[in-house]
Full PDB file with SEQRES, HELIX, SHEET, SSBOND, CRYST1, ORIGX, SCALE, CONECT and MASTER records, all heavy atoms in Angstrom:
SEQRES   1 A   42  TRP GLU ARG THR LYS LYS ASP ARG ARG SER ALA ASP ALA          
SEQRES   2 A   42  PRO ALA PRO GLU ARG GLU THR PRO ALA ASP ALA ALA GLY          
SEQRES   3 A   42  VAL ARG ILE PRO SER TRP ILE PRO ALA ALA VAL PHE VAL          
SEQRES   4 A   42  GLY LEU THR                                                  
HELIX    1 AA1 GLU A    2  ASP A   12  1                                  11    
HELIX    2 AA2 PRO A   21  ALA A   25  1                                   5    
HELIX    3 AA3 TRP A   32  LEU A   41  1                                  10    
CRYST1    1.000    1.000    1.000  90.00  90.00  90.00 P 1           1          
ORIGX1      1.000000  0.000000  0.000000        0.00000                         
ORIGX2      0.000000  1.000000  0.000000        0.00000                         
ORIGX3      0.000000  0.000000  1.000000        0.00000                         
SCALE1      1.000000  0.000000  0.000000        0.00000                         
SCALE2      0.000000  1.000000  0.000000        0.00000                         
SCALE3      0.000000  0.000000  1.000000        0.00000                         
ATOM      1  N   TRP A   1      21.621  -6.041 -39.654  1.00  0.00           N  
ATOM      2  CA  TRP A   1      22.940  -5.477 -39.709  1.00  0.00           C  
ATOM      3  C   TRP A   1      23.844  -6.114 -38.601  1.00  0.00           C  
ATOM      4  O   TRP A   1      24.983  -6.495 -38.821  1.00  0.00           O  
ATOM      5  CB  TRP A   1      22.937  -3.966 -39.543  1.00  0.00           C  
ATOM      6  CG  TRP A   1      24.293  -3.358 -39.478  1.00  0.00           C  
ATOM      7  CD1 TRP A   1      24.835  -2.858 -38.347  1.00  0.00           C  
ATOM      8  CD2 TRP A   1      25.212  -3.223 -40.540  1.00  0.00           C  
ATOM      9  NE1 TRP A   1      26.070  -2.413 -38.613  1.00  0.00           N  
ATOM     10  CE2 TRP A   1      26.366  -2.628 -40.010  1.00  0.00           C  
ATOM     11  CE3 TRP A   1      25.208  -3.562 -41.904  1.00  0.00           C  
ATOM     12  CZ2 TRP A   1      27.437  -2.325 -40.701  1.00  0.00           C  
ATOM     13  CZ3 TRP A   1      26.353  -3.242 -42.596  1.00  0.00           C  
ATOM     14  CH2 TRP A   1      27.458  -2.631 -42.040  1.00  0.00           C  
ATOM     15  N   GLU A   2      23.330  -6.243 -37.390  1.00  0.00           N  
ATOM     16  CA  GLU A   2      24.000  -6.849 -36.283  1.00  0.00           C  
ATOM     17  C   GLU A   2      24.321  -8.290 -36.576  1.00  0.00           C  
ATOM     18  O   GLU A   2      25.485  -8.733 -36.270  1.00  0.00           O  
ATOM     19  CB  GLU A   2      23.219  -6.773 -34.974  1.00  0.00           C  
ATOM     20  CG  GLU A   2      22.951  -5.352 -34.479  1.00  0.00           C  
ATOM     21  CD  GLU A   2      24.219  -4.727 -33.954  1.00  0.00           C  
ATOM     22  OE1 GLU A   2      25.068  -5.499 -33.377  1.00  0.00           O  
ATOM     23  OE2 GLU A   2      24.403  -3.516 -34.036  1.00  0.00           O  
ATOM     24  N   ARG A   3      23.407  -9.029 -37.131  1.00  0.00           N  
ATOM     25  CA  ARG A   3      23.596 -10.411 -37.501  1.00  0.00           C  
ATOM     26  C   ARG A   3      24.702 -10.570 -38.552  1.00  0.00           C  
ATOM     27  O   ARG A   3      25.636 -11.422 -38.437  1.00  0.00           O  
ATOM     28  CB  ARG A   3      22.296 -11.084 -37.968  1.00  0.00           C  
ATOM     29  CG  ARG A   3      22.442 -12.563 -38.080  1.00  0.00           C  
ATOM     30  CD  ARG A   3      21.095 -13.176 -38.455  1.00  0.00           C  
ATOM     31  NE  ARG A   3      20.059 -12.850 -37.488  1.00  0.00           N  
ATOM     32  CZ  ARG A   3      18.762 -12.712 -37.870  1.00  0.00           C  
ATOM     33  NH1 ARG A   3      18.375 -12.888 -39.068  1.00  0.00           N  
ATOM     34  NH2 ARG A   3      17.867 -12.394 -36.932  1.00  0.00           N  
ATOM     35  N   THR A   4      24.682  -9.733 -39.580  1.00  0.00           N  
ATOM     36  CA  THR A   4      25.699  -9.777 -40.615  1.00  0.00           C  
ATOM     37  C   THR A   4      27.022  -9.479 -40.040  1.00  0.00           C  
ATOM     38  O   THR A   4      28.048 -10.073 -40.350  1.00  0.00           O  
ATOM     39  CB  THR A   4      25.345  -8.724 -41.711  1.00  0.00           C  
ATOM     40  OG1 THR A   4      24.024  -9.023 -42.166  1.00  0.00           O  
ATOM     41  CG2 THR A   4      26.262  -8.867 -42.885  1.00  0.00           C  
ATOM     42  N   LYS A   5      27.100  -8.475 -39.205  1.00  0.00           N  
ATOM     43  CA  LYS A   5      28.342  -8.038 -38.565  1.00  0.00           C  
ATOM     44  C   LYS A   5      28.965  -9.197 -37.712  1.00  0.00           C  
ATOM     45  O   LYS A   5      30.142  -9.514 -37.761  1.00  0.00           O  
ATOM     46  CB  LYS A   5      28.127  -6.786 -37.671  1.00  0.00           C  
ATOM     47  CG  LYS A   5      29.377  -6.054 -37.333  1.00  0.00           C  
ATOM     48  CD  LYS A   5      28.863  -4.685 -36.875  1.00  0.00           C  
ATOM     49  CE  LYS A   5      29.684  -4.356 -35.560  1.00  0.00           C  
ATOM     50  NZ  LYS A   5      29.241  -3.083 -35.004  1.00  0.00           N  
ATOM     51  N   LYS A   6      28.075  -9.889 -37.003  1.00  0.00           N  
ATOM     52  CA  LYS A   6      28.498 -11.030 -36.145  1.00  0.00           C  
ATOM     53  C   LYS A   6      28.975 -12.197 -37.023  1.00  0.00           C  
ATOM     54  O   LYS A   6      30.049 -12.783 -36.724  1.00  0.00           O  
ATOM     55  CB  LYS A   6      27.308 -11.483 -35.261  1.00  0.00           C  
ATOM     56  CG  LYS A   6      27.640 -12.624 -34.359  1.00  0.00           C  
ATOM     57  CD  LYS A   6      26.420 -12.976 -33.530  1.00  0.00           C  
ATOM     58  CE  LYS A   6      26.728 -14.184 -32.669  1.00  0.00           C  
ATOM     59  NZ  LYS A   6      25.507 -14.590 -31.997  1.00  0.00           N  
ATOM     60  N   ASP A   7      28.315 -12.465 -38.128  1.00  0.00           N  
ATOM     61  CA  ASP A   7      28.720 -13.536 -39.047  1.00  0.00           C  
ATOM     62  C   ASP A   7      30.087 -13.199 -39.628  1.00  0.00           C  
ATOM     63  O   ASP A   7      30.935 -14.102 -39.809  1.00  0.00           O  
ATOM     64  CB  ASP A   7      27.723 -13.739 -40.143  1.00  0.00           C  
ATOM     65  CG  ASP A   7      26.432 -14.394 -39.691  1.00  0.00           C  
ATOM     66  OD1 ASP A   7      26.500 -14.910 -38.499  1.00  0.00           O  
ATOM     67  OD2 ASP A   7      25.453 -14.363 -40.392  1.00  0.00           O  
ATOM     68  N   ARG A   8      30.361 -11.943 -39.998  1.00  0.00           N  
ATOM     69  CA  ARG A   8      31.618 -11.535 -40.587  1.00  0.00           C  
ATOM     70  C   ARG A   8      32.714 -11.674 -39.608  1.00  0.00           C  
ATOM     71  O   ARG A   8      33.768 -12.087 -39.911  1.00  0.00           O  
ATOM     72  CB  ARG A   8      31.482 -10.022 -41.036  1.00  0.00           C  
ATOM     73  CG  ARG A   8      32.270  -9.797 -42.312  1.00  0.00           C  
ATOM     74  CD  ARG A   8      32.131  -8.397 -42.817  1.00  0.00           C  
ATOM     75  NE  ARG A   8      30.864  -8.188 -43.413  1.00  0.00           N  
ATOM     76  CZ  ARG A   8      30.085  -7.095 -43.262  1.00  0.00           C  
ATOM     77  NH1 ARG A   8      30.508  -6.102 -42.515  1.00  0.00           N  
ATOM     78  NH2 ARG A   8      28.941  -6.961 -43.874  1.00  0.00           N  
ATOM     79  N   ARG A   9      32.492 -11.341 -38.365  1.00  0.00           N  
ATOM     80  CA  ARG A   9      33.460 -11.506 -37.313  1.00  0.00           C  
ATOM     81  C   ARG A   9      33.844 -12.928 -37.102  1.00  0.00           C  
ATOM     82  O   ARG A   9      35.002 -13.317 -36.950  1.00  0.00           O  
ATOM     83  CB  ARG A   9      32.960 -10.868 -35.992  1.00  0.00           C  
ATOM     84  CG  ARG A   9      33.777  -9.693 -35.483  1.00  0.00           C  
ATOM     85  CD  ARG A   9      33.377  -9.159 -34.202  1.00  0.00           C  
ATOM     86  NE  ARG A   9      32.195  -8.353 -34.359  1.00  0.00           N  
ATOM     87  CZ  ARG A   9      31.126  -8.401 -33.671  1.00  0.00           C  
ATOM     88  NH1 ARG A   9      31.024  -9.193 -32.685  1.00  0.00           N  
ATOM     89  NH2 ARG A   9      30.059  -7.590 -33.883  1.00  0.00           N  
ATOM     90  N   SER A  10      32.879 -13.842 -37.071  1.00  0.00           N  
ATOM     91  CA  SER A  10      33.117 -15.228 -36.813  1.00  0.00           C  
ATOM     92  C   SER A  10      33.857 -15.847 -38.077  1.00  0.00           C  
ATOM     93  O   SER A  10      34.624 -16.750 -37.843  1.00  0.00           O  
ATOM     94  CB  SER A  10      31.870 -15.999 -36.487  1.00  0.00           C  
ATOM     95  OG  SER A  10      31.014 -15.959 -37.591  1.00  0.00           O  
ATOM     96  N   ALA A  11      33.635 -15.388 -39.216  1.00  0.00           N  
ATOM     97  CA  ALA A  11      34.295 -15.868 -40.434  1.00  0.00           C  
ATOM     98  C   ALA A  11      35.765 -15.435 -40.413  1.00  0.00           C  
ATOM     99  O   ALA A  11      36.649 -16.213 -40.923  1.00  0.00           O  
ATOM    100  CB  ALA A  11      33.613 -15.366 -41.663  1.00  0.00           C  
ATOM    101  N   ASP A  12      36.081 -14.265 -39.914  1.00  0.00           N  
ATOM    102  CA  ASP A  12      37.427 -13.802 -39.876  1.00  0.00           C  
ATOM    103  C   ASP A  12      38.273 -14.436 -38.775  1.00  0.00           C  
ATOM    104  O   ASP A  12      39.520 -14.432 -38.809  1.00  0.00           O  
ATOM    105  CB  ASP A  12      37.501 -12.276 -39.709  1.00  0.00           C  
ATOM    106  CG  ASP A  12      36.948 -11.579 -40.956  1.00  0.00           C  
ATOM    107  OD1 ASP A  12      36.928 -12.206 -42.021  1.00  0.00           O  
ATOM    108  OD2 ASP A  12      36.537 -10.411 -40.839  1.00  0.00           O  
ATOM    109  N   ALA A  13      37.583 -14.897 -37.685  1.00  0.00           N  
ATOM    110  CA  ALA A  13      38.254 -15.441 -36.584  1.00  0.00           C  
ATOM    111  C   ALA A  13      38.931 -16.797 -36.976  1.00  0.00           C  
ATOM    112  O   ALA A  13      38.395 -17.591 -37.754  1.00  0.00           O  
ATOM    113  CB  ALA A  13      37.346 -15.667 -35.401  1.00  0.00           C  
ATOM    114  N   PRO A  14      40.108 -17.085 -36.448  1.00  0.00           N  
ATOM    115  CA  PRO A  14      40.774 -18.339 -36.738  1.00  0.00           C  
ATOM    116  C   PRO A  14      39.986 -19.509 -36.170  1.00  0.00           C  
ATOM    117  O   PRO A  14      39.357 -19.410 -35.124  1.00  0.00           O  
ATOM    118  CB  PRO A  14      42.166 -18.218 -36.078  1.00  0.00           C  
ATOM    119  CG  PRO A  14      42.000 -17.174 -35.095  1.00  0.00           C  
ATOM    120  CD  PRO A  14      40.897 -16.257 -35.548  1.00  0.00           C  
ATOM    121  N   ALA A  15      40.055 -20.568 -36.820  1.00  0.00           N  
ATOM    122  CA  ALA A  15      39.354 -21.811 -36.421  1.00  0.00           C  
ATOM    123  C   ALA A  15      40.077 -22.312 -35.117  1.00  0.00           C  
ATOM    124  O   ALA A  15      41.250 -22.303 -35.087  1.00  0.00           O  
ATOM    125  CB  ALA A  15      39.367 -22.860 -37.520  1.00  0.00           C  
ATOM    126  N   PRO A  16      39.315 -22.841 -34.230  1.00  0.00           N  
ATOM    127  CA  PRO A  16      39.909 -23.381 -33.047  1.00  0.00           C  
ATOM    128  C   PRO A  16      40.718 -24.659 -33.451  1.00  0.00           C  
ATOM    129  O   PRO A  16      40.300 -25.441 -34.238  1.00  0.00           O  
ATOM    130  CB  PRO A  16      38.718 -23.731 -32.126  1.00  0.00           C  
ATOM    131  CG  PRO A  16      37.547 -23.843 -33.046  1.00  0.00           C  
ATOM    132  CD  PRO A  16      37.776 -22.911 -34.197  1.00  0.00           C  
ATOM    133  N   GLU A  17      41.859 -24.784 -32.788  1.00  0.00           N  
ATOM    134  CA  GLU A  17      42.736 -25.951 -33.077  1.00  0.00           C  
ATOM    135  C   GLU A  17      42.091 -27.161 -32.447  1.00  0.00           C  
ATOM    136  O   GLU A  17      41.606 -27.185 -31.347  1.00  0.00           O  
ATOM    137  CB  GLU A  17      44.124 -25.726 -32.486  1.00  0.00           C  
ATOM    138  CG  GLU A  17      44.898 -24.633 -33.221  1.00  0.00           C  
ATOM    139  CD  GLU A  17      46.308 -24.501 -32.750  1.00  0.00           C  
ATOM    140  OE1 GLU A  17      46.849 -25.566 -32.330  1.00  0.00           O  
ATOM    141  OE2 GLU A  17      46.841 -23.412 -32.839  1.00  0.00           O  
ATOM    142  N   ARG A  18      42.123 -28.199 -33.251  1.00  0.00           N  
ATOM    143  CA  ARG A  18      41.586 -29.516 -32.770  1.00  0.00           C  
ATOM    144  C   ARG A  18      42.694 -30.271 -32.107  1.00  0.00           C  
ATOM    145  O   ARG A  18      43.870 -30.250 -32.504  1.00  0.00           O  
ATOM    146  CB  ARG A  18      41.032 -30.302 -33.960  1.00  0.00           C  
ATOM    147  CG  ARG A  18      39.813 -29.567 -34.598  1.00  0.00           C  
ATOM    148  CD  ARG A  18      39.365 -30.344 -35.798  1.00  0.00           C  
ATOM    149  NE  ARG A  18      39.197 -31.747 -35.504  1.00  0.00           N  
ATOM    150  CZ  ARG A  18      38.668 -32.599 -36.350  1.00  0.00           C  
ATOM    151  NH1 ARG A  18      38.272 -32.183 -37.547  1.00  0.00           N  
ATOM    152  NH2 ARG A  18      38.542 -33.816 -36.007  1.00  0.00           N  
ATOM    153  N   GLU A  19      42.342 -31.014 -31.093  1.00  0.00           N  
ATOM    154  CA  GLU A  19      43.254 -31.890 -30.388  1.00  0.00           C  
ATOM    155  C   GLU A  19      43.555 -33.140 -31.215  1.00  0.00           C  
ATOM    156  O   GLU A  19      42.621 -33.739 -31.739  1.00  0.00           O  
ATOM    157  CB  GLU A  19      42.709 -32.289 -29.044  1.00  0.00           C  
ATOM    158  CG  GLU A  19      43.275 -31.490 -27.929  1.00  0.00           C  
ATOM    159  CD  GLU A  19      42.824 -32.016 -26.597  1.00  0.00           C  
ATOM    160  OE1 GLU A  19      42.784 -33.284 -26.356  1.00  0.00           O  
ATOM    161  OE2 GLU A  19      42.433 -31.212 -25.678  1.00  0.00           O  
ATOM    162  N   THR A  20      44.768 -33.510 -31.379  1.00  0.00           N  
ATOM    163  CA  THR A  20      45.101 -34.801 -31.988  1.00  0.00           C  
ATOM    164  C   THR A  20      45.118 -35.877 -30.925  1.00  0.00           C  
ATOM    165  O   THR A  20      45.172 -35.561 -29.731  1.00  0.00           O  
ATOM    166  CB  THR A  20      46.529 -34.705 -32.612  1.00  0.00           C  
ATOM    167  OG1 THR A  20      47.439 -34.421 -31.623  1.00  0.00           O  
ATOM    168  CG2 THR A  20      46.603 -33.544 -33.725  1.00  0.00           C  
ATOM    169  N   PRO A  21      44.965 -37.078 -31.348  1.00  0.00           N  
ATOM    170  CA  PRO A  21      44.978 -38.137 -30.326  1.00  0.00           C  
ATOM    171  C   PRO A  21      46.218 -38.163 -29.442  1.00  0.00           C  
ATOM    172  O   PRO A  21      46.124 -38.435 -28.263  1.00  0.00           O  
ATOM    173  CB  PRO A  21      44.893 -39.417 -31.184  1.00  0.00           C  
ATOM    174  CG  PRO A  21      44.227 -38.987 -32.440  1.00  0.00           C  
ATOM    175  CD  PRO A  21      44.667 -37.570 -32.650  1.00  0.00           C  
ATOM    176  N   ALA A  22      47.425 -37.804 -30.059  1.00  0.00           N  
ATOM    177  CA  ALA A  22      48.596 -37.765 -29.204  1.00  0.00           C  
ATOM    178  C   ALA A  22      48.499 -36.685 -28.205  1.00  0.00           C  
ATOM    179  O   ALA A  22      48.948 -36.842 -27.101  1.00  0.00           O  
ATOM    180  CB  ALA A  22      49.796 -37.599 -30.130  1.00  0.00           C  
ATOM    181  N   ASP A  23      47.990 -35.493 -28.582  1.00  0.00           N  
ATOM    182  CA  ASP A  23      47.793 -34.419 -27.643  1.00  0.00           C  
ATOM    183  C   ASP A  23      46.811 -34.802 -26.551  1.00  0.00           C  
ATOM    184  O   ASP A  23      46.999 -34.478 -25.389  1.00  0.00           O  
ATOM    185  CB  ASP A  23      47.362 -33.162 -28.342  1.00  0.00           C  
ATOM    186  CG  ASP A  23      48.401 -32.580 -29.274  1.00  0.00           C  
ATOM    187  OD1 ASP A  23      49.584 -32.902 -29.083  1.00  0.00           O  
ATOM    188  OD2 ASP A  23      48.037 -31.791 -30.146  1.00  0.00           O  
ATOM    189  N   ALA A  24      45.820 -35.487 -26.884  1.00  0.00           N  
ATOM    190  CA  ALA A  24      44.745 -35.871 -25.918  1.00  0.00           C  
ATOM    191  C   ALA A  24      45.361 -36.844 -24.880  1.00  0.00           C  
ATOM    192  O   ALA A  24      45.062 -36.731 -23.724  1.00  0.00           O  
ATOM    193  CB  ALA A  24      43.578 -36.511 -26.619  1.00  0.00           C  
ATOM    194  N   ALA A  25      46.267 -37.759 -25.302  1.00  0.00           N  
ATOM    195  CA  ALA A  25      46.846 -38.681 -24.389  1.00  0.00           C  
ATOM    196  C   ALA A  25      48.043 -37.999 -23.630  1.00  0.00           C  
ATOM    197  O   ALA A  25      48.476 -38.581 -22.659  1.00  0.00           O  
ATOM    198  CB  ALA A  25      47.329 -39.903 -25.149  1.00  0.00           C  
ATOM    199  N   GLY A  26      48.551 -36.883 -24.111  1.00  0.00           N  
ATOM    200  CA  GLY A  26      49.642 -36.235 -23.423  1.00  0.00           C  
ATOM    201  C   GLY A  26      50.990 -36.831 -23.875  1.00  0.00           C  
ATOM    202  O   GLY A  26      51.989 -36.591 -23.204  1.00  0.00           O  
ATOM    203  N   VAL A  27      51.077 -37.601 -24.967  1.00  0.00           N  
ATOM    204  CA  VAL A  27      52.302 -38.191 -25.367  1.00  0.00           C  
ATOM    205  C   VAL A  27      52.763 -37.516 -26.667  1.00  0.00           C  
ATOM    206  O   VAL A  27      52.053 -37.392 -27.625  1.00  0.00           O  
ATOM    207  CB  VAL A  27      52.125 -39.731 -25.687  1.00  0.00           C  
ATOM    208  CG1 VAL A  27      53.358 -40.335 -26.199  1.00  0.00           C  
ATOM    209  CG2 VAL A  27      51.561 -40.453 -24.411  1.00  0.00           C  
ATOM    210  N   ARG A  28      54.032 -37.037 -26.581  1.00  0.00           N  
ATOM    211  CA  ARG A  28      54.624 -36.400 -27.817  1.00  0.00           C  
ATOM    212  C   ARG A  28      55.919 -37.090 -28.073  1.00  0.00           C  
ATOM    213  O   ARG A  28      56.738 -37.235 -27.170  1.00  0.00           O  
ATOM    214  CB  ARG A  28      54.835 -34.904 -27.571  1.00  0.00           C  
ATOM    215  CG  ARG A  28      53.564 -34.149 -27.538  1.00  0.00           C  
ATOM    216  CD  ARG A  28      53.839 -32.668 -27.453  1.00  0.00           C  
ATOM    217  NE  ARG A  28      52.630 -31.957 -27.414  1.00  0.00           N  
ATOM    218  CZ  ARG A  28      52.257 -31.090 -28.378  1.00  0.00           C  
ATOM    219  NH1 ARG A  28      53.118 -30.852 -29.372  1.00  0.00           N  
ATOM    220  NH2 ARG A  28      51.100 -30.521 -28.317  1.00  0.00           N  
ATOM    221  N   ILE A  29      56.132 -37.503 -29.370  1.00  0.00           N  
ATOM    222  CA  ILE A  29      57.375 -38.131 -29.715  1.00  0.00           C  
ATOM    223  C   ILE A  29      58.353 -37.070 -30.237  1.00  0.00           C  
ATOM    224  O   ILE A  29      57.981 -36.306 -31.142  1.00  0.00           O  
ATOM    225  CB  ILE A  29      57.086 -39.197 -30.817  1.00  0.00           C  
ATOM    226  CG1 ILE A  29      56.159 -40.250 -30.316  1.00  0.00           C  
ATOM    227  CG2 ILE A  29      58.408 -39.770 -31.341  1.00  0.00           C  
ATOM    228  CD1 ILE A  29      55.733 -41.256 -31.371  1.00  0.00           C  
ATOM    229  N   PRO A  30      59.535 -36.995 -29.704  1.00  0.00           N  
ATOM    230  CA  PRO A  30      60.499 -36.061 -30.247  1.00  0.00           C  
ATOM    231  C   PRO A  30      60.829 -36.283 -31.652  1.00  0.00           C  
ATOM    232  O   PRO A  30      60.846 -37.422 -32.109  1.00  0.00           O  
ATOM    233  CB  PRO A  30      61.717 -36.250 -29.301  1.00  0.00           C  
ATOM    234  CG  PRO A  30      61.214 -36.882 -28.081  1.00  0.00           C  
ATOM    235  CD  PRO A  30      60.019 -37.692 -28.538  1.00  0.00           C  
ATOM    236  N   SER A  31      61.175 -35.259 -32.418  1.00  0.00           N  
ATOM    237  CA  SER A  31      61.351 -35.413 -33.854  1.00  0.00           C  
ATOM    238  C   SER A  31      62.618 -36.218 -34.170  1.00  0.00           C  
ATOM    239  O   SER A  31      62.714 -36.735 -35.290  1.00  0.00           O  
ATOM    240  CB  SER A  31      61.368 -34.055 -34.507  1.00  0.00           C  
ATOM    241  OG  SER A  31      62.453 -33.301 -33.975  1.00  0.00           O  
ATOM    242  N   TRP A  32      63.558 -36.334 -33.301  1.00  0.00           N  
ATOM    243  CA  TRP A  32      64.798 -37.032 -33.581  1.00  0.00           C  
ATOM    244  C   TRP A  32      64.660 -38.563 -33.432  1.00  0.00           C  
ATOM    245  O   TRP A  32      65.508 -39.326 -33.910  1.00  0.00           O  
ATOM    246  CB  TRP A  32      65.940 -36.492 -32.740  1.00  0.00           C  
ATOM    247  CG  TRP A  32      65.722 -36.632 -31.303  1.00  0.00           C  
ATOM    248  CD1 TRP A  32      65.110 -35.692 -30.463  1.00  0.00           C  
ATOM    249  CD2 TRP A  32      66.014 -37.724 -30.435  1.00  0.00           C  
ATOM    250  NE1 TRP A  32      65.035 -36.174 -29.178  1.00  0.00           N  
ATOM    251  CE2 TRP A  32      65.585 -37.459 -29.160  1.00  0.00           C  
ATOM    252  CE3 TRP A  32      66.606 -38.956 -30.666  1.00  0.00           C  
ATOM    253  CZ2 TRP A  32      65.732 -38.273 -28.078  1.00  0.00           C  
ATOM    254  CZ3 TRP A  32      66.739 -39.838 -29.589  1.00  0.00           C  
ATOM    255  CH2 TRP A  32      66.321 -39.500 -28.319  1.00  0.00           C  
ATOM    256  N   ILE A  33      63.652 -39.038 -32.771  1.00  0.00           N  
ATOM    257  CA  ILE A  33      63.510 -40.440 -32.461  1.00  0.00           C  
ATOM    258  C   ILE A  33      63.373 -41.302 -33.770  1.00  0.00           C  
ATOM    259  O   ILE A  33      64.013 -42.311 -33.849  1.00  0.00           O  
ATOM    260  CB  ILE A  33      62.355 -40.690 -31.469  1.00  0.00           C  
ATOM    261  CG1 ILE A  33      62.716 -40.090 -30.151  1.00  0.00           C  
ATOM    262  CG2 ILE A  33      61.967 -42.160 -31.379  1.00  0.00           C  
ATOM    263  CD1 ILE A  33      62.529 -40.907 -28.931  1.00  0.00           C  
ATOM    264  N   PRO A  34      62.486 -40.930 -34.749  1.00  0.00           N  
ATOM    265  CA  PRO A  34      62.439 -41.784 -35.903  1.00  0.00           C  
ATOM    266  C   PRO A  34      63.790 -41.970 -36.668  1.00  0.00           C  
ATOM    267  O   PRO A  34      64.077 -43.021 -37.110  1.00  0.00           O  
ATOM    268  CB  PRO A  34      61.377 -41.014 -36.786  1.00  0.00           C  
ATOM    269  CG  PRO A  34      60.544 -40.316 -35.797  1.00  0.00           C  
ATOM    270  CD  PRO A  34      61.486 -39.877 -34.720  1.00  0.00           C  
ATOM    271  N   ALA A  35      64.505 -40.866 -36.758  1.00  0.00           N  
ATOM    272  CA  ALA A  35      65.834 -40.976 -37.411  1.00  0.00           C  
ATOM    273  C   ALA A  35      66.761 -41.777 -36.609  1.00  0.00           C  
ATOM    274  O   ALA A  35      67.511 -42.676 -37.213  1.00  0.00           O  
ATOM    275  CB  ALA A  35      66.439 -39.547 -37.579  1.00  0.00           C  
ATOM    276  N   ALA A  36      66.731 -41.728 -35.309  1.00  0.00           N  
ATOM    277  CA  ALA A  36      67.686 -42.541 -34.438  1.00  0.00           C  
ATOM    278  C   ALA A  36      67.259 -44.013 -34.591  1.00  0.00           C  
ATOM    279  O   ALA A  36      68.169 -44.877 -34.624  1.00  0.00           O  
ATOM    280  CB  ALA A  36      67.610 -42.073 -33.064  1.00  0.00           C  
ATOM    281  N   VAL A  37      66.025 -44.272 -34.600  1.00  0.00           N  
ATOM    282  CA  VAL A  37      65.544 -45.708 -34.777  1.00  0.00           C  
ATOM    283  C   VAL A  37      65.952 -46.251 -36.104  1.00  0.00           C  
ATOM    284  O   VAL A  37      66.476 -47.407 -36.165  1.00  0.00           O  
ATOM    285  CB  VAL A  37      64.068 -45.826 -34.566  1.00  0.00           C  
ATOM    286  CG1 VAL A  37      63.479 -47.144 -34.956  1.00  0.00           C  
ATOM    287  CG2 VAL A  37      63.631 -45.504 -33.114  1.00  0.00           C  
ATOM    288  N   PHE A  38      65.841 -45.464 -37.184  1.00  0.00           N  
ATOM    289  CA  PHE A  38      66.199 -45.888 -38.458  1.00  0.00           C  
ATOM    290  C   PHE A  38      67.713 -46.169 -38.550  1.00  0.00           C  
ATOM    291  O   PHE A  38      68.120 -47.201 -39.049  1.00  0.00           O  
ATOM    292  CB  PHE A  38      65.840 -44.866 -39.527  1.00  0.00           C  
ATOM    293  CG  PHE A  38      66.233 -45.110 -40.894  1.00  0.00           C  
ATOM    294  CD1 PHE A  38      65.589 -46.155 -41.645  1.00  0.00           C  
ATOM    295  CD2 PHE A  38      67.271 -44.520 -41.473  1.00  0.00           C  
ATOM    296  CE1 PHE A  38      65.997 -46.472 -42.928  1.00  0.00           C  
ATOM    297  CE2 PHE A  38      67.694 -44.783 -42.817  1.00  0.00           C  
ATOM    298  CZ  PHE A  38      67.037 -45.828 -43.531  1.00  0.00           C  
ATOM    299  N   VAL A  39      68.554 -45.251 -38.068  1.00  0.00           N  
ATOM    300  CA  VAL A  39      69.979 -45.408 -38.082  1.00  0.00           C  
ATOM    301  C   VAL A  39      70.420 -46.623 -37.166  1.00  0.00           C  
ATOM    302  O   VAL A  39      71.213 -47.495 -37.591  1.00  0.00           O  
ATOM    303  CB  VAL A  39      70.729 -44.171 -37.539  1.00  0.00           C  
ATOM    304  CG1 VAL A  39      72.173 -44.409 -37.294  1.00  0.00           C  
ATOM    305  CG2 VAL A  39      70.604 -43.034 -38.600  1.00  0.00           C  
ATOM    306  N   GLY A  40      69.787 -46.790 -36.021  1.00  0.00           N  
ATOM    307  CA  GLY A  40      70.148 -47.885 -35.144  1.00  0.00           C  
ATOM    308  C   GLY A  40      69.689 -49.235 -35.797  1.00  0.00           C  
ATOM    309  O   GLY A  40      70.455 -50.216 -35.789  1.00  0.00           O  
ATOM    310  N   LEU A  41      68.535 -49.308 -36.410  1.00  0.00           N  
ATOM    311  CA  LEU A  41      68.064 -50.563 -37.036  1.00  0.00           C  
ATOM    312  C   LEU A  41      68.999 -50.910 -38.273  1.00  0.00           C  
ATOM    313  O   LEU A  41      69.334 -52.081 -38.439  1.00  0.00           O  
ATOM    314  CB  LEU A  41      66.625 -50.370 -37.501  1.00  0.00           C  
ATOM    315  CG  LEU A  41      65.914 -51.650 -38.018  1.00  0.00           C  
ATOM    316  CD1 LEU A  41      65.880 -52.718 -36.972  1.00  0.00           C  
ATOM    317  CD2 LEU A  41      64.557 -51.315 -38.439  1.00  0.00           C  
ATOM    318  N   THR A  42      69.365 -49.907 -39.037  1.00  0.00           N  
ATOM    319  CA  THR A  42      70.207 -50.163 -40.185  1.00  0.00           C  
ATOM    320  C   THR A  42      71.659 -50.634 -39.701  1.00  0.00           C  
ATOM    321  O   THR A  42      72.190 -51.631 -40.227  1.00  0.00           O  
ATOM    322  CB  THR A  42      70.435 -48.824 -40.984  1.00  0.00           C  
ATOM    323  OG1 THR A  42      69.167 -48.421 -41.378  1.00  0.00           O  
ATOM    324  CG2 THR A  42      71.318 -49.048 -42.205  1.00  0.00           C  
TER     325      THR A  42                                                      
MASTER        0    0    0    3    0    0    0    6  324    1    0    4          
END                                                                             
């Protein structure tokens, strides 16, 4: 019963967030940069 209860609790818990390579390096690109580059290049 204890084991089943523990398994149920771990299934309901949210999955831990995985680090993306950008997060691991600490570099984040602002969302407006791709649009600005596109407009500038055009």
